[in-house]
Amino acid sequence: MKRKVLCIALALLMCMMVTLPTFADSSAEILPERSGVSATLGLKHISGGTYRMWAKLNNPSEVSVYVRLTLYDASYNQIASIYKTSSNPLISLNKDVVLSSGTYHLRLYYVVNGLSYSTERTYTL
């Protein structure tokens, strides 16, 4: 009986570890760890028509990382972009933009150890 309860408790704990981080910020996307680097990105409403596009990369190995965060409109016309190369353990990018209602695509692109990764998130305002 004790073993069964312990197994159930362990299974619940594992489920909570997987699901709870996604509830922390509904505008954030947690990306899988790649080459020791993990990333989150999002588009946060500041006030009026002002939004902040942001990305954070955890770089525990402190390798050199090139990262670019770009915002596009629905037709993939570039609206804003910010980039940086860093080997800091925490790499942050953010930029405020003024947007009207519509569909936008936020794309994160980064290069670690010669390998490139990208992800995109779509927002409707």
Foldseek 3Di string as FASTA:
>chain_A
DVVVVVVVVVVVVVVCVVPVVCVPDVQKDWDDQDPQKTKIWGWADDDDQKIKTKMKIAQPVLFKKKKKKWKAFPVRDTDDMDIDIGSDRMDMDMDMDGDDFHKMKIKMWMAGPNDIDMDIDMDGD
